[in-house]
Each structure stands twice: as structure tokens, then as C-alpha cells.
Amino acid sequence: MFKIMLGGLAALLVLASAVLWMLRPGSHRAEGSAAPEFSLLDQSGQTHRLSDYAGRWLVLYFYPRDDTPGCTREACRFRDDIGVLGSLNAAVVGVSTDDARSHADFAHKYQLPFPLLSDPDGHTARAYGSLLNLGLVRFARRRTFIVAPDGRIAARFDQVDPARHAQDVARTLQALQQSARP
């Protein structure tokens, strides 16, 4: 009986270690560092690159899956606040590992007025330290980066509440812009 319990405990420890290893943080893109370049297709088949947003603020948000409750809430909040973010000279772009067809359905269903970029191999999510790889399944972690007009990461959000995230981003953008004024 003791051997069975010990064997079960060992198996549990191995499983816990594997899960913790898979959930470890990715590379950390610090504020002030250059934002990694990307070239990804959106829901309409159009290619977007980081350099396309040079000279303006970019809200680059990573999310796990199209049309799931948290991701839908977050996307719809960005949709609802797109005017506020636009008035701050900021573009909004979502990124997940879902394919462009899934993005097209998601964007159409919720009338999302911003690009959703498909990162099926996870290279861009990995470059931003936002890829969660569970072996057979990989997806983007819910993280957001505000990229300044000069291409540097001005702010990052590692803990995101989908219900109020768009407002948090808008407040941070306002603060960043006010602190940059002479």
C-alpha cells in the first residue's frame, strides 16, 4: 500500500513539474526595448507589419482564442472604445494563433473594426513572450503591449481583466502621452 501511495505521489510530482515548466514565463520584453517586428495576415488576407504603424501608437494585444467568453469580452471592449483610442492616435491590433478564417468569422460576428492577425506558428507571440506551448496545443497568453511611435515598447500588461482592459490601456496611453510632452 505504501509503495502504491509513493508511486502515485511521484507521478503527481512529475506531472506538476511538467505543468509548471510549460507555464513558465516566456522571454520578457521590457518597457523601453525595441518591439519585435512582425509580418502577419489579418482576417481579410492583408499583411500587417510593425513598420506599418511607425509614427503612431499601437495597442498590440494577444489573446488565446476567437469567440471564447474572455476573448470576446476583451475584443468588444476594444471595439466600444475604439473612438477614444483613435483620438489618442492609437491603432488597435489583436493577435492569436487562430487562422485568418476564424478571425474573419469572429470579427464579422462582433463587428470588430480593427485587424485580427493570425500567428498560426506562434512566432510573433513567442517574440513578445506571449506564447503558451502545451506540446500539442499552443496559444497566445492574454497580454498587451503599447508600442510607441518610435517602435519601442512603452507599456506592457501581463495581468489583463478583459472587462476593463480597454479603459486601462486608454488611461495608460494618456499618461504616456502627457509625460512625453515638453
C-alpha atoms as a PDB file:
ATOM      1  CA  MET A   1       0.000   0.000   0.000  1.00  0.00           C
ATOM      2  CA  PHE A   2       2.835   2.389   0.894  1.00  0.00           C
ATOM      3  CA  LYS A   3       4.552   1.649  -2.454  1.00  0.00           C
ATOM      4  CA  ILE A   4       1.354   2.475  -4.331  1.00  0.00           C
ATOM      5  CA  MET A   5       0.974   5.780  -2.476  1.00  0.00           C
ATOM      6  CA  LEU A   6       4.641   6.617  -3.068  1.00  0.00           C
ATOM      7  CA  GLY A   7       4.303   5.766  -6.777  1.00  0.00           C
ATOM      8  CA  GLY A   8       1.190   7.952  -7.058  1.00  0.00           C
ATOM      9  CA  LEU A   9       2.937  10.816  -5.288  1.00  0.00           C
ATOM     10  CA  ALA A  10       5.940  10.536  -7.610  1.00  0.00           C
ATOM     11  CA  ALA A  11       3.661  10.569 -10.657  1.00  0.00           C
ATOM     12  CA  LEU A  12       1.853  13.623  -9.286  1.00  0.00           C
ATOM     13  CA  LEU A  13       5.164  15.441  -8.727  1.00  0.00           C
ATOM     14  CA  VAL A  14       6.323  14.652 -12.261  1.00  0.00           C
ATOM     15  CA  LEU A  15       3.015  15.908 -13.675  1.00  0.00           C
ATOM     16  CA  ALA A  16       3.129  19.083 -11.562  1.00  0.00           C
ATOM     17  CA  SER A  17       6.721  19.729 -12.655  1.00  0.00           C
ATOM     18  CA  ALA A  18       5.772  19.311 -16.308  1.00  0.00           C
ATOM     19  CA  VAL A  19       2.812  21.694 -15.991  1.00  0.00           C
ATOM     20  CA  LEU A  20       4.916  24.316 -14.186  1.00  0.00           C
ATOM     21  CA  TRP A  21       7.634  24.006 -16.849  1.00  0.00           C
ATOM     22  CA  MET A  22       5.075  24.557 -19.612  1.00  0.00           C
ATOM     23  CA  LEU A  23       3.560  27.548 -17.812  1.00  0.00           C
ATOM     24  CA  ARG A  24       6.883  29.256 -17.158  1.00  0.00           C
ATOM     25  CA  PRO A  25       7.105  32.841 -18.332  1.00  0.00           C
ATOM     26  CA  GLY A  26       8.353  33.441 -21.837  1.00  0.00           C
ATOM     27  CA  SER A  27      11.080  35.867 -22.748  1.00  0.00           C
ATOM     28  CA  HIS A  28      10.386  39.195 -21.138  1.00  0.00           C
ATOM     29  CA  ARG A  29      10.093  42.185 -23.482  1.00  0.00           C
ATOM     30  CA  ALA A  30      10.910  45.056 -21.167  1.00  0.00           C
ATOM     31  CA  GLU A  31       9.458  48.511 -21.463  1.00  0.00           C
ATOM     32  CA  GLY A  32      11.862  50.666 -23.440  1.00  0.00           C
ATOM     33  CA  SER A  33      13.102  47.769 -25.578  1.00  0.00           C
ATOM     34  CA  ALA A  34      12.521  47.613 -29.320  1.00  0.00           C
ATOM     35  CA  ALA A  35       9.259  45.918 -30.232  1.00  0.00           C
ATOM     36  CA  PRO A  36       9.864  42.770 -32.306  1.00  0.00           C
ATOM     37  CA  GLU A  37       8.986  43.136 -35.979  1.00  0.00           C
ATOM     38  CA  PHE A  38       6.161  41.005 -37.345  1.00  0.00           C
ATOM     39  CA  SER A  39       4.532  40.277 -40.669  1.00  0.00           C
ATOM     40  CA  LEU A  40       1.135  38.590 -40.278  1.00  0.00           C
ATOM     41  CA  LEU A  41      -2.104  38.261 -42.232  1.00  0.00           C
ATOM     42  CA  ASP A  42      -5.341  39.711 -40.901  1.00  0.00           C
ATOM     43  CA  GLN A  43      -8.895  38.410 -41.255  1.00  0.00           C
ATOM     44  CA  SER A  44      -9.112  39.909 -44.773  1.00  0.00           C
ATOM     45  CA  GLY A  45      -5.843  38.430 -46.040  1.00  0.00           C
ATOM     46  CA  GLN A  46      -3.989  41.743 -45.755  1.00  0.00           C
ATOM     47  CA  THR A  47      -0.409  41.699 -44.433  1.00  0.00           C
ATOM     48  CA  HIS A  48       0.407  43.856 -41.414  1.00  0.00           C
ATOM     49  CA  ARG A  49       3.910  44.711 -40.245  1.00  0.00           C
ATOM     50  CA  LEU A  50       5.079  46.582 -37.175  1.00  0.00           C
ATOM     51  CA  SER A  51       6.646  49.142 -39.505  1.00  0.00           C
ATOM     52  CA  ASP A  52       3.158  49.929 -40.899  1.00  0.00           C
ATOM     53  CA  TYR A  53       2.412  51.606 -37.554  1.00  0.00           C
ATOM     54  CA  ALA A  54       5.569  53.726 -37.332  1.00  0.00           C
ATOM     55  CA  GLY A  55       4.814  57.266 -36.184  1.00  0.00           C
ATOM     56  CA  ARG A  56       1.701  56.369 -34.206  1.00  0.00           C
ATOM     57  CA  TRP A  57       0.844  54.465 -31.068  1.00  0.00           C
ATOM     58  CA  LEU A  58      -0.005  50.776 -31.406  1.00  0.00           C
ATOM     59  CA  VAL A  59      -2.025  48.702 -28.956  1.00  0.00           C
ATOM     60  CA  LEU A  60      -0.921  45.157 -29.742  1.00  0.00           C
ATOM     61  CA  TYR A  61      -2.999  42.719 -27.742  1.00  0.00           C
ATOM     62  CA  PHE A  62      -2.504  38.967 -27.675  1.00  0.00           C
ATOM     63  CA  TYR A  63      -5.432  36.713 -26.822  1.00  0.00           C
ATOM     64  CA  PRO A  64      -5.940  32.935 -26.605  1.00  0.00           C
ATOM     65  CA  ARG A  65      -8.899  32.083 -28.874  1.00  0.00           C
ATOM     66  CA  ASP A  66     -11.565  33.649 -31.059  1.00  0.00           C
ATOM     67  CA  ASP A  67     -15.149  33.625 -29.839  1.00  0.00           C
ATOM     68  CA  THR A  68     -14.465  32.469 -26.278  1.00  0.00           C
ATOM     69  CA  PRO A  69     -16.053  34.385 -23.382  1.00  0.00           C
ATOM     70  CA  GLY A  70     -12.993  36.309 -22.122  1.00  0.00           C
ATOM     71  CA  CYS A  71     -11.609  36.986 -25.586  1.00  0.00           C
ATOM     72  CA  THR A  72     -14.998  38.171 -26.840  1.00  0.00           C
ATOM     73  CA  ARG A  73     -15.417  40.489 -23.850  1.00  0.00           C
ATOM     74  CA  GLU A  74     -11.940  41.958 -24.392  1.00  0.00           C
ATOM     75  CA  ALA A  75     -12.404  42.427 -28.157  1.00  0.00           C
ATOM     76  CA  CYS A  76     -15.819  44.031 -27.714  1.00  0.00           C
ATOM     77  CA  ARG A  77     -14.441  46.451 -25.121  1.00  0.00           C
ATOM     78  CA  PHE A  78     -11.715  47.500 -27.567  1.00  0.00           C
ATOM     79  CA  ARG A  79     -14.446  47.839 -30.232  1.00  0.00           C
ATOM     80  CA  ASP A  80     -16.556  50.001 -27.942  1.00  0.00           C
ATOM     81  CA  ASP A  81     -13.576  52.207 -27.005  1.00  0.00           C
ATOM     82  CA  ILE A  82     -12.034  52.434 -30.480  1.00  0.00           C
ATOM     83  CA  GLY A  83     -13.030  56.125 -30.736  1.00  0.00           C
ATOM     84  CA  VAL A  84     -11.227  57.014 -27.504  1.00  0.00           C
ATOM     85  CA  LEU A  85      -8.132  55.070 -28.549  1.00  0.00           C
ATOM     86  CA  GLY A  86      -8.256  56.592 -32.038  1.00  0.00           C
ATOM     87  CA  SER A  87      -8.405  60.079 -30.539  1.00  0.00           C
ATOM     88  CA  LEU A  88      -5.140  59.192 -28.798  1.00  0.00           C
ATOM     89  CA  ASN A  89      -3.584  58.408 -32.212  1.00  0.00           C
ATOM     90  CA  ALA A  90      -3.528  54.684 -31.385  1.00  0.00           C
ATOM     91  CA  ALA A  91      -4.260  51.751 -33.636  1.00  0.00           C
ATOM     92  CA  VAL A  92      -5.568  48.527 -32.091  1.00  0.00           C
ATOM     93  CA  VAL A  93      -4.464  45.129 -33.377  1.00  0.00           C
ATOM     94  CA  GLY A  94      -5.350  41.721 -31.925  1.00  0.00           C
ATOM     95  CA  VAL A  95      -3.124  38.652 -32.352  1.00  0.00           C
ATOM     96  CA  SER A  96      -3.843  34.985 -31.726  1.00  0.00           C
ATOM     97  CA  THR A  97      -2.757  31.631 -33.107  1.00  0.00           C
ATOM     98  CA  ASP A  98      -6.168  31.105 -34.718  1.00  0.00           C
ATOM     99  CA  ASP A  99      -6.312  31.109 -38.515  1.00  0.00           C
ATOM    100  CA  ALA A 100      -7.490  34.015 -40.657  1.00  0.00           C
ATOM    101  CA  ARG A 101     -10.848  32.326 -41.386  1.00  0.00           C
ATOM    102  CA  SER A 102     -11.605  32.051 -37.669  1.00  0.00           C
ATOM    103  CA  HIS A 103     -10.611  35.710 -37.278  1.00  0.00           C
ATOM    104  CA  ALA A 104     -12.914  36.700 -40.153  1.00  0.00           C
ATOM    105  CA  ASP A 105     -15.878  34.936 -38.542  1.00  0.00           C
ATOM    106  CA  PHE A 106     -15.089  36.449 -35.119  1.00  0.00           C
ATOM    107  CA  ALA A 107     -14.630  39.983 -36.498  1.00  0.00           C
ATOM    108  CA  HIS A 108     -17.835  39.759 -38.538  1.00  0.00           C
ATOM    109  CA  LYS A 109     -19.926  38.309 -35.694  1.00  0.00           C
ATOM    110  CA  TYR A 110     -18.938  41.102 -33.283  1.00  0.00           C
ATOM    111  CA  GLN A 111     -18.349  43.893 -35.853  1.00  0.00           C
ATOM    112  CA  LEU A 112     -14.744  44.396 -34.784  1.00  0.00           C
ATOM    113  CA  PRO A 113     -13.318  47.478 -36.563  1.00  0.00           C
ATOM    114  CA  PHE A 114      -9.647  46.554 -36.149  1.00  0.00           C
ATOM    115  CA  PRO A 115      -7.337  43.897 -37.589  1.00  0.00           C
ATOM    116  CA  LEU A 116      -7.043  40.467 -36.022  1.00  0.00           C
ATOM    117  CA  LEU A 117      -3.714  38.960 -37.016  1.00  0.00           C
ATOM    118  CA  SER A 118      -3.182  35.242 -37.475  1.00  0.00           C
ATOM    119  CA  ASP A 119       0.009  33.858 -35.895  1.00  0.00           C
ATOM    120  CA  PRO A 120      -0.513  30.123 -36.541  1.00  0.00           C
ATOM    121  CA  ASP A 121       3.066  29.086 -35.820  1.00  0.00           C
ATOM    122  CA  GLY A 122       3.267  31.330 -32.743  1.00  0.00           C
ATOM    123  CA  HIS A 123       6.493  33.080 -33.825  1.00  0.00           C
ATOM    124  CA  THR A 124       5.210  36.576 -33.083  1.00  0.00           C
ATOM    125  CA  ALA A 125       3.611  35.557 -29.780  1.00  0.00           C
ATOM    126  CA  ARG A 126       6.916  33.893 -28.830  1.00  0.00           C
ATOM    127  CA  ALA A 127       8.904  37.004 -29.791  1.00  0.00           C
ATOM    128  CA  TYR A 128       6.733  39.041 -27.421  1.00  0.00           C
ATOM    129  CA  GLY A 129       6.981  36.421 -24.655  1.00  0.00           C
ATOM    130  CA  SER A 130       3.281  35.674 -25.044  1.00  0.00           C
ATOM    131  CA  LEU A 131       3.217  32.095 -26.334  1.00  0.00           C
ATOM    132  CA  LEU A 132       1.956  29.300 -24.118  1.00  0.00           C
ATOM    133  CA  ASN A 133       3.056  25.984 -25.603  1.00  0.00           C
ATOM    134  CA  LEU A 134       1.445  22.890 -24.093  1.00  0.00           C
ATOM    135  CA  GLY A 135       3.003  20.434 -26.542  1.00  0.00           C
ATOM    136  CA  LEU A 136       0.193  19.579 -28.944  1.00  0.00           C
ATOM    137  CA  VAL A 137      -1.672  22.801 -28.181  1.00  0.00           C
ATOM    138  CA  ARG A 138      -0.274  26.297 -28.227  1.00  0.00           C
ATOM    139  CA  PHE A 139      -1.960  29.632 -27.900  1.00  0.00           C
ATOM    140  CA  ALA A 140      -1.202  33.240 -27.092  1.00  0.00           C
ATOM    141  CA  ARG A 141      -1.301  34.372 -23.494  1.00  0.00           C
ATOM    142  CA  ARG A 142      -3.573  37.317 -22.760  1.00  0.00           C
ATOM    143  CA  ARG A 143      -1.029  40.159 -22.802  1.00  0.00           C
ATOM    144  CA  THR A 144      -0.961  43.631 -24.277  1.00  0.00           C
ATOM    145  CA  PHE A 145       1.866  45.879 -25.424  1.00  0.00           C
ATOM    146  CA  ILE A 146       1.645  49.577 -26.148  1.00  0.00           C
ATOM    147  CA  VAL A 147       4.214  50.357 -28.804  1.00  0.00           C
ATOM    148  CA  ALA A 148       5.301  53.992 -29.002  1.00  0.00           C
ATOM    149  CA  PRO A 149       5.566  55.840 -32.323  1.00  0.00           C
ATOM    150  CA  ASP A 150       9.343  55.206 -32.288  1.00  0.00           C
ATOM    151  CA  GLY A 151       8.846  51.406 -32.229  1.00  0.00           C
ATOM    152  CA  ARG A 152       9.740  50.860 -28.572  1.00  0.00           C
ATOM    153  CA  ILE A 153       7.572  49.112 -26.023  1.00  0.00           C
ATOM    154  CA  ALA A 154       6.155  51.911 -23.888  1.00  0.00           C
ATOM    155  CA  ALA A 155       3.981  49.728 -21.634  1.00  0.00           C
ATOM    156  CA  ARG A 156       3.068  46.107 -21.154  1.00  0.00           C
ATOM    157  CA  PHE A 157       0.150  44.425 -19.440  1.00  0.00           C
ATOM    158  CA  ASP A 158       0.740  40.898 -18.167  1.00  0.00           C
ATOM    159  CA  GLN A 159      -2.363  40.740 -15.967  1.00  0.00           C
ATOM    160  CA  VAL A 160      -5.419  41.589 -18.025  1.00  0.00           C
ATOM    161  CA  ASP A 161      -9.040  41.858 -16.897  1.00  0.00           C
ATOM    162  CA  PRO A 162     -10.961  41.603 -20.205  1.00  0.00           C
ATOM    163  CA  ALA A 163     -13.907  43.596 -18.854  1.00  0.00           C
ATOM    164  CA  ARG A 164     -11.899  46.759 -18.119  1.00  0.00           C
ATOM    165  CA  HIS A 165      -8.705  46.331 -20.080  1.00  0.00           C
ATOM    166  CA  ALA A 166      -9.538  48.794 -22.866  1.00  0.00           C
ATOM    167  CA  GLN A 167     -10.064  51.560 -20.288  1.00  0.00           C
ATOM    168  CA  ASP A 168      -6.777  50.639 -18.551  1.00  0.00           C
ATOM    169  CA  VAL A 169      -4.995  50.887 -21.895  1.00  0.00           C
ATOM    170  CA  ALA A 170      -6.596  54.277 -22.669  1.00  0.00           C
ATOM    171  CA  ARG A 171      -5.561  55.674 -19.263  1.00  0.00           C
ATOM    172  CA  THR A 172      -2.011  54.394 -19.722  1.00  0.00           C
ATOM    173  CA  LEU A 173      -1.830  55.889 -23.234  1.00  0.00           C
ATOM    174  CA  GLN A 174      -2.983  59.269 -21.917  1.00  0.00           C
ATOM    175  CA  ALA A 175      -0.362  59.169 -19.152  1.00  0.00           C
ATOM    176  CA  LEU A 176       2.395  58.158 -21.578  1.00  0.00           C
ATOM    177  CA  GLN A 177       1.480  60.942 -23.983  1.00  0.00           C
ATOM    178  CA  GLN A 178       1.279  63.558 -21.230  1.00  0.00           C
ATOM    179  CA  SER A 179       4.671  62.556 -19.835  1.00  0.00           C
ATOM    180  CA  ALA A 180       6.204  62.794 -23.309  1.00  0.00           C
ATOM    181  CA  ARG A 181       5.087  66.418 -23.767  1.00  0.00           C
ATOM    182  CA  PRO A 182       7.711  69.080 -23.098  1.00  0.00           C
END
